[in-house]
Protein backbone atom coordinates (compact mmCIF):
# COMPACT_ATOMS: atom_id res chain seq x y z
CA UNK A 1 105.24 50.46 202.25
CA UNK A 2 102.49 50.45 204.90
CA UNK A 3 102.54 47.76 207.54
CA UNK A 4 99.97 45.02 207.24
CA UNK A 5 98.70 45.58 210.78
CA UNK A 6 96.22 42.69 210.62
CA UNK A 7 98.89 40.14 209.65
CA UNK A 8 100.40 38.65 212.80
CA UNK A 9 103.25 36.87 211.03
CA UNK A 10 106.44 38.91 211.11
CA UNK A 11 108.05 37.06 208.22
CA UNK A 12 106.80 35.42 205.03
CA UNK A 13 108.47 32.18 206.15
CA UNK A 14 105.89 31.85 208.94
CA UNK A 15 103.11 31.82 206.35
CA UNK A 16 104.96 29.71 203.81
CA UNK A 17 104.92 26.80 206.25
CA UNK A 18 101.20 26.41 205.48
CA UNK A 19 101.01 26.92 201.70
CA UNK A 20 102.70 25.88 198.49
CA UNK A 21 104.08 28.46 196.09
CA UNK A 22 104.50 27.69 192.40
CA UNK A 23 107.91 27.25 190.81
CA UNK A 24 107.36 30.56 189.00
CA UNK A 25 106.68 32.31 192.31
CA UNK A 26 109.58 30.85 194.29
CA UNK A 27 112.27 33.31 193.06
CA UNK A 28 110.15 36.26 194.18
CA UNK A 29 109.89 35.22 197.82
CA UNK A 30 111.94 36.91 200.51
CA UNK A 31 111.10 34.65 203.42
CA UNK A 32 112.97 36.45 206.17
CA UNK A 33 111.21 39.79 205.59
CA UNK A 34 107.70 41.05 206.27
CA UNK A 35 105.04 39.14 204.29
CA UNK A 36 104.11 42.31 202.39
CA UNK A 37 107.50 42.29 200.62
CA UNK A 38 106.87 38.85 199.12
CA UNK A 39 103.21 39.59 198.34
CA UNK A 40 104.14 42.74 196.40
CA UNK A 41 107.02 41.01 194.61
CA UNK A 42 104.67 38.18 193.58
CA UNK A 43 102.17 40.73 192.29
CA UNK A 44 104.86 42.56 190.33
CA UNK A 45 105.89 39.24 188.77
CA UNK A 46 102.24 38.48 187.85
CA UNK A 47 102.26 35.44 190.15
CA UNK A 48 98.81 36.42 191.32
CA UNK A 49 97.66 33.02 192.57
CA UNK A 50 100.72 32.79 194.80
CA UNK A 51 100.19 36.32 196.11
CA UNK A 52 96.56 35.44 196.92
CA UNK A 53 97.65 32.31 198.82
CA UNK A 54 100.24 34.20 200.85
CA UNK A 55 97.87 37.04 201.75
CA UNK A 56 95.02 34.64 202.58
CA UNK A 57 97.34 32.77 204.95
CA UNK A 58 98.29 36.03 206.67
CA UNK A 59 94.86 37.55 207.17
CA UNK A 60 92.88 36.83 210.34
CA UNK A 61 89.93 34.52 209.78
CA UNK A 62 87.13 37.09 209.63
CA UNK A 63 89.04 39.45 207.36
CA UNK A 64 90.06 36.56 205.11
CA UNK A 65 86.49 35.29 204.77
CA UNK A 66 85.30 38.86 204.15
CA UNK A 67 87.87 39.12 201.35
CA UNK A 68 86.44 35.94 199.81
CA UNK A 69 82.95 37.45 200.15
CA UNK A 70 84.00 40.67 198.42
CA UNK A 71 85.45 38.71 195.50
CA UNK A 72 82.43 36.42 195.24
CA UNK A 73 80.02 39.37 195.45
CA UNK A 74 81.94 41.07 192.63
CA UNK A 75 81.03 38.36 190.14
CA UNK A 76 77.45 37.77 191.25
CA UNK A 77 74.87 38.72 188.66
CA UNK A 78 71.13 38.35 188.17
CA UNK A 79 71.90 34.92 186.67
CA UNK A 80 73.58 33.67 189.88
CA UNK A 81 71.61 30.69 191.13
CA UNK A 82 69.73 30.79 194.42
CA UNK A 83 72.04 28.39 196.28
CA UNK A 84 75.13 30.45 195.47
CA UNK A 85 73.36 33.60 196.60
CA UNK A 86 72.46 31.83 199.86
CA UNK A 87 76.05 30.58 200.27
CA UNK A 88 77.42 34.10 199.92
CA UNK A 89 74.84 35.59 202.29
CA UNK A 90 75.65 32.84 204.82
CA UNK A 91 79.36 33.67 204.64
CA UNK A 92 78.69 37.40 204.95
CA UNK A 93 76.45 36.78 207.96
CA UNK A 94 79.17 34.67 209.59
CA UNK A 95 81.68 37.51 209.11
CA UNK A 96 79.29 40.00 210.71
CA UNK A 97 78.68 37.77 213.72
CA UNK A 98 80.58 34.47 213.88
CA UNK A 99 78.66 31.76 215.69
CA UNK A 100 78.41 28.00 215.61
CA UNK A 101 74.92 28.22 214.13
CA UNK A 102 76.12 30.44 211.30
CA UNK A 103 79.18 28.26 210.75
CA UNK A 104 76.94 25.22 210.32
CA UNK A 105 74.80 27.08 207.77
CA UNK A 106 78.00 27.93 205.88
CA UNK A 107 79.10 24.32 205.99
CA UNK A 108 75.75 23.20 204.62
CA UNK A 109 75.78 25.81 201.84
CA UNK A 110 79.34 24.87 200.88
CA UNK A 111 78.20 21.27 200.50
CA UNK A 112 75.00 22.19 198.62
CA UNK A 113 76.98 24.28 196.11
CA UNK A 114 79.57 21.49 195.83
CA UNK A 115 82.62 23.74 196.17
CA UNK A 116 82.34 24.91 192.57
CA UNK A 117 81.99 28.66 192.97
CA UNK A 118 83.61 31.57 194.78
CA UNK A 119 80.51 31.86 197.02
CA UNK A 120 80.73 28.16 197.85
CA UNK A 121 84.39 28.50 198.83
CA UNK A 122 83.66 31.63 200.88
CA UNK A 123 81.03 29.71 202.86
CA UNK A 124 83.40 26.75 203.21
CA UNK A 125 86.16 29.06 204.45
CA UNK A 126 83.85 30.32 207.20
CA UNK A 127 82.93 26.76 208.13
CA UNK A 128 86.61 25.85 208.46
CA UNK A 129 87.42 28.69 210.87
CA UNK A 130 86.22 26.94 214.04
CA UNK A 131 84.00 24.08 215.17
CA UNK A 132 84.37 20.55 213.90
CA UNK A 133 84.94 19.12 210.45
CA UNK A 134 83.03 16.00 211.50
CA UNK A 135 79.30 15.38 211.48
CA UNK A 136 77.09 16.34 214.44
CA UNK A 137 77.24 12.92 216.13
CA UNK A 138 80.87 12.16 215.35
CA UNK A 139 83.93 12.90 217.50
CA UNK A 140 85.17 16.47 217.11
CA UNK A 141 87.79 17.03 214.43
CA UNK A 142 89.14 20.56 214.73
CA UNK A 143 90.14 22.14 211.43
CA UNK A 144 93.86 22.79 210.94
CA UNK A 145 94.61 26.40 211.88
CA UNK A 146 95.20 27.57 208.31
CA UNK A 147 92.65 25.44 206.44
CA UNK A 148 90.32 28.43 206.01
CA UNK A 149 93.06 30.27 204.09
CA UNK A 150 93.09 27.59 201.39
CA UNK A 151 89.35 28.03 200.83
CA UNK A 152 89.74 31.81 200.80
CA UNK A 153 92.52 31.59 198.21
CA UNK A 154 90.34 29.28 196.12
CA UNK A 155 87.40 31.68 196.33
CA UNK A 156 89.41 34.78 195.40
CA UNK A 157 91.34 33.07 192.59
CA UNK A 158 88.23 31.46 191.12
CA UNK A 159 86.40 34.80 191.22
CA UNK A 160 89.25 36.45 189.33
CA UNK A 161 89.26 33.79 186.62
CA UNK A 162 85.46 33.81 186.30
CA UNK A 163 85.49 37.61 186.19
CA UNK A 164 87.62 37.56 183.04
CA UNK A 165 88.59 34.08 181.81
CA UNK A 166 90.80 35.47 179.02
CA UNK A 167 92.72 38.11 181.00
CA UNK A 168 92.10 37.68 184.74
CA UNK A 169 95.09 39.81 185.78
CA UNK A 170 92.97 42.95 186.22
CA UNK A 171 90.57 41.17 188.57
CA UNK A 172 93.48 39.56 190.45
CA UNK A 173 95.06 42.99 190.98
CA UNK A 174 91.77 44.50 192.11
CA UNK A 175 91.11 41.67 194.57
CA UNK A 176 94.68 41.73 195.88
CA UNK A 177 94.37 45.46 196.54
CA UNK A 178 91.15 44.74 198.46
CA UNK A 179 92.94 42.09 200.50
CA UNK A 180 95.88 44.38 201.20
CA UNK A 181 93.45 47.10 202.29
CA UNK A 182 91.92 44.65 204.76
CA UNK A 183 95.39 43.67 205.98
CA UNK A 184 96.12 47.35 206.61
CA UNK A 185 93.01 47.64 208.77
CA UNK A 186 90.66 48.96 206.08
CA UNK A 187 87.24 47.80 204.95
CA UNK A 188 88.46 46.07 201.81
CA UNK A 189 87.81 48.88 199.39
CA UNK A 190 90.12 48.86 196.40
CA UNK A 191 92.96 51.35 196.62
C-alpha cells in the first residue's frame, strides 16, 4: 500500500468526524489506521459512495475539486448544456488558479445549474473552499472546513451513476482510482 501523501489525516477517525458512513459501510471501517485502509476496504465491499465520501474528506481542497472536475468531464458529451459546460470550466479554472473572483464565478454557476449535475457540484465545491457563503453585502459566513468535501462527493457519485445508471460500479472504481492517484501526489490519471 502506497501512502496517501496528500491526505493530512493520520487516521480514518479524523475524517469520519465530518462525514456519515452508511450502515453497510460501517463494518469495513478501521478508524484507528491510515485512511487508505478504510477506503480500500470500502471499495472491496462495493460501498463506493462511502469510499468516495472518505476520500473526498481527506483530499486537500484543490485536489478534491480537481477530482470532481475529472469525474464531471468524464460524462460531458456534445449534448451537455451550455451552463453545465460553463460550470465545469469555472471549477477547472479555480483549480488552476484559486482566487476570490473565480470562486464567485463558481458560486454563480453552481446556482445557475441548480446543483443538479456533477459540473454544478464541482463548481459549488470550489465556491465552498474559501470566502463567504453569504451574499456580497451580508456579514461574512465562512464555510465549514469540510463543506467542500460533501460537494465533491456528490459530484463524483452523481457522475458515476449518470455514467452507467444500471451498473455504476465500474465508473465508481475508475473515479476512486483517480482520486487515490491524486491522494498519492499524481495528476488523477486512472491506475
